[in-house]
Amino acid sequence: MLAFTFAFRCGGLAILYHWAIRTMLIRQKSIPLRFQYFLHDAEQRILIYRVGSGFTFPHRLLQEHIAISSFCP
């Protein structure tokens, strides 16, 4: 039981939150189920660039368009 408590204090709770949020977004169809494949495909089509451990858009206008259109129902 002590190991279980220690694991949650050292990042286990963050993992639990990560999967809970990811599951919620998948159920709402806000993100695809296979998110890694989606990002890889977008990178192959030059819609995004890999920068370190994250991604960025090649053009600011594209980024603004996606940001605005994602909030429209």
C-alpha atoms as a PDB file:
ATOM      1  CA  MET A   1       0.000   0.000   0.000  1.00  0.00           C
ATOM      2  CA  LEU A   2       2.912   2.338   0.741  1.00  0.00           C
ATOM      3  CA  ALA A   3       4.327   1.788  -2.764  1.00  0.00           C
ATOM      4  CA  PHE A   4       0.939   2.611  -4.294  1.00  0.00           C
ATOM      5  CA  THR A   5       0.734   5.870  -2.333  1.00  0.00           C
ATOM      6  CA  PHE A   6       4.313   6.764  -3.256  1.00  0.00           C
ATOM      7  CA  ALA A   7       3.618   6.110  -6.958  1.00  0.00           C
ATOM      8  CA  PHE A   8       0.649   8.474  -6.972  1.00  0.00           C
ATOM      9  CA  ARG A   9       2.653  11.216  -5.293  1.00  0.00           C
ATOM     10  CA  CYS A  10       5.463  10.856  -7.836  1.00  0.00           C
ATOM     11  CA  GLY A  11       3.414  11.421 -10.979  1.00  0.00           C
ATOM     12  CA  GLY A  12       0.781   8.712 -10.873  1.00  0.00           C
ATOM     13  CA  LEU A  13      -1.976  11.238 -10.318  1.00  0.00           C
ATOM     14  CA  ALA A  14      -0.804  13.238 -13.358  1.00  0.00           C
ATOM     15  CA  ILE A  15      -1.008  10.071 -15.489  1.00  0.00           C
ATOM     16  CA  LEU A  16      -4.511   9.422 -14.198  1.00  0.00           C
ATOM     17  CA  TYR A  17      -5.558  13.001 -15.091  1.00  0.00           C
ATOM     18  CA  HIS A  18      -3.915  12.664 -18.528  1.00  0.00           C
ATOM     19  CA  TRP A  19      -5.880   9.532 -19.407  1.00  0.00           C
ATOM     20  CA  ALA A  20      -9.123  10.894 -17.969  1.00  0.00           C
ATOM     21  CA  ILE A  21      -8.882  14.067 -20.075  1.00  0.00           C
ATOM     22  CA  ARG A  22      -7.815  12.139 -23.159  1.00  0.00           C
ATOM     23  CA  THR A  23     -10.752   9.726 -22.778  1.00  0.00           C
ATOM     24  CA  MET A  24     -13.160  12.626 -22.337  1.00  0.00           C
ATOM     25  CA  LEU A  25     -11.849  14.377 -25.488  1.00  0.00           C
ATOM     26  CA  ILE A  26     -12.074  11.165 -27.525  1.00  0.00           C
ATOM     27  CA  ARG A  27     -15.687  10.598 -26.413  1.00  0.00           C
ATOM     28  CA  GLN A  28     -16.569  14.166 -27.401  1.00  0.00           C
ATOM     29  CA  LYS A  29     -14.843  13.520 -30.752  1.00  0.00           C
ATOM     30  CA  SER A  30     -12.566  16.515 -30.159  1.00  0.00           C
ATOM     31  CA  ILE A  31      -9.417  14.460 -30.844  1.00  0.00           C
ATOM     32  CA  PRO A  32      -8.907  11.264 -32.858  1.00  0.00           C
ATOM     33  CA  LEU A  33      -8.523   7.913 -31.132  1.00  0.00           C
ATOM     34  CA  ARG A  34      -5.059   7.330 -32.628  1.00  0.00           C
ATOM     35  CA  PHE A  35      -3.577  10.732 -31.919  1.00  0.00           C
ATOM     36  CA  GLN A  36       0.037   9.761 -32.688  1.00  0.00           C
ATOM     37  CA  TYR A  37      -0.910   8.573 -36.188  1.00  0.00           C
ATOM     38  CA  PHE A  38      -2.877  11.790 -36.734  1.00  0.00           C
ATOM     39  CA  LEU A  39       0.125  13.943 -35.767  1.00  0.00           C
ATOM     40  CA  HIS A  40       2.502  11.842 -37.880  1.00  0.00           C
ATOM     41  CA  ASP A  41       0.190  12.149 -40.898  1.00  0.00           C
ATOM     42  CA  ALA A  42      -0.113  15.929 -40.425  1.00  0.00           C
ATOM     43  CA  GLU A  43       3.678  16.129 -40.222  1.00  0.00           C
ATOM     44  CA  GLN A  44       4.065  14.123 -43.446  1.00  0.00           C
ATOM     45  CA  ARG A  45       1.661  16.519 -45.193  1.00  0.00           C
ATOM     46  CA  ILE A  46       3.708  19.494 -43.884  1.00  0.00           C
ATOM     47  CA  LEU A  47       0.775  20.919 -41.912  1.00  0.00           C
ATOM     48  CA  ILE A  48       2.874  20.885 -38.736  1.00  0.00           C
ATOM     49  CA  TYR A  49       6.582  20.665 -37.887  1.00  0.00           C
ATOM     50  CA  ARG A  50       8.167  18.734 -35.059  1.00  0.00           C
ATOM     51  CA  VAL A  51      10.012  21.045 -32.684  1.00  0.00           C
ATOM     52  CA  GLY A  52      11.721  19.185 -29.860  1.00  0.00           C
ATOM     53  CA  SER A  53       9.022  17.093 -28.186  1.00  0.00           C
ATOM     54  CA  GLY A  54       6.158  19.209 -29.546  1.00  0.00           C
ATOM     55  CA  PHE A  55       4.774  20.525 -32.796  1.00  0.00           C
ATOM     56  CA  THR A  56       4.323  23.924 -34.414  1.00  0.00           C
ATOM     57  CA  PHE A  57       2.549  25.220 -37.494  1.00  0.00           C
ATOM     58  CA  PRO A  58       4.605  26.346 -40.499  1.00  0.00           C
ATOM     59  CA  HIS A  59       2.413  29.384 -41.099  1.00  0.00           C
ATOM     60  CA  ARG A  60       0.735  31.675 -38.580  1.00  0.00           C
ATOM     61  CA  LEU A  61      -2.370  32.126 -40.766  1.00  0.00           C
ATOM     62  CA  LEU A  62      -2.997  28.354 -40.718  1.00  0.00           C
ATOM     63  CA  GLN A  63      -2.607  28.284 -36.946  1.00  0.00           C
ATOM     64  CA  GLU A  64      -5.085  31.150 -36.483  1.00  0.00           C
ATOM     65  CA  HIS A  65      -7.605  29.548 -38.864  1.00  0.00           C
ATOM     66  CA  ILE A  66      -7.541  26.236 -37.000  1.00  0.00           C
ATOM     67  CA  ALA A  67      -7.768  28.001 -33.634  1.00  0.00           C
ATOM     68  CA  ILE A  68     -10.825  29.995 -34.698  1.00  0.00           C
ATOM     69  CA  SER A  69     -12.617  27.168 -36.521  1.00  0.00           C
ATOM     70  CA  SER A  70     -12.158  24.690 -33.656  1.00  0.00           C
ATOM     71  CA  PHE A  71     -14.474  26.735 -31.412  1.00  0.00           C
ATOM     72  CA  CYS A  72     -17.295  26.979 -33.956  1.00  0.00           C
ATOM     73  CA  PRO A  73     -20.057  24.350 -33.474  1.00  0.00           C
END
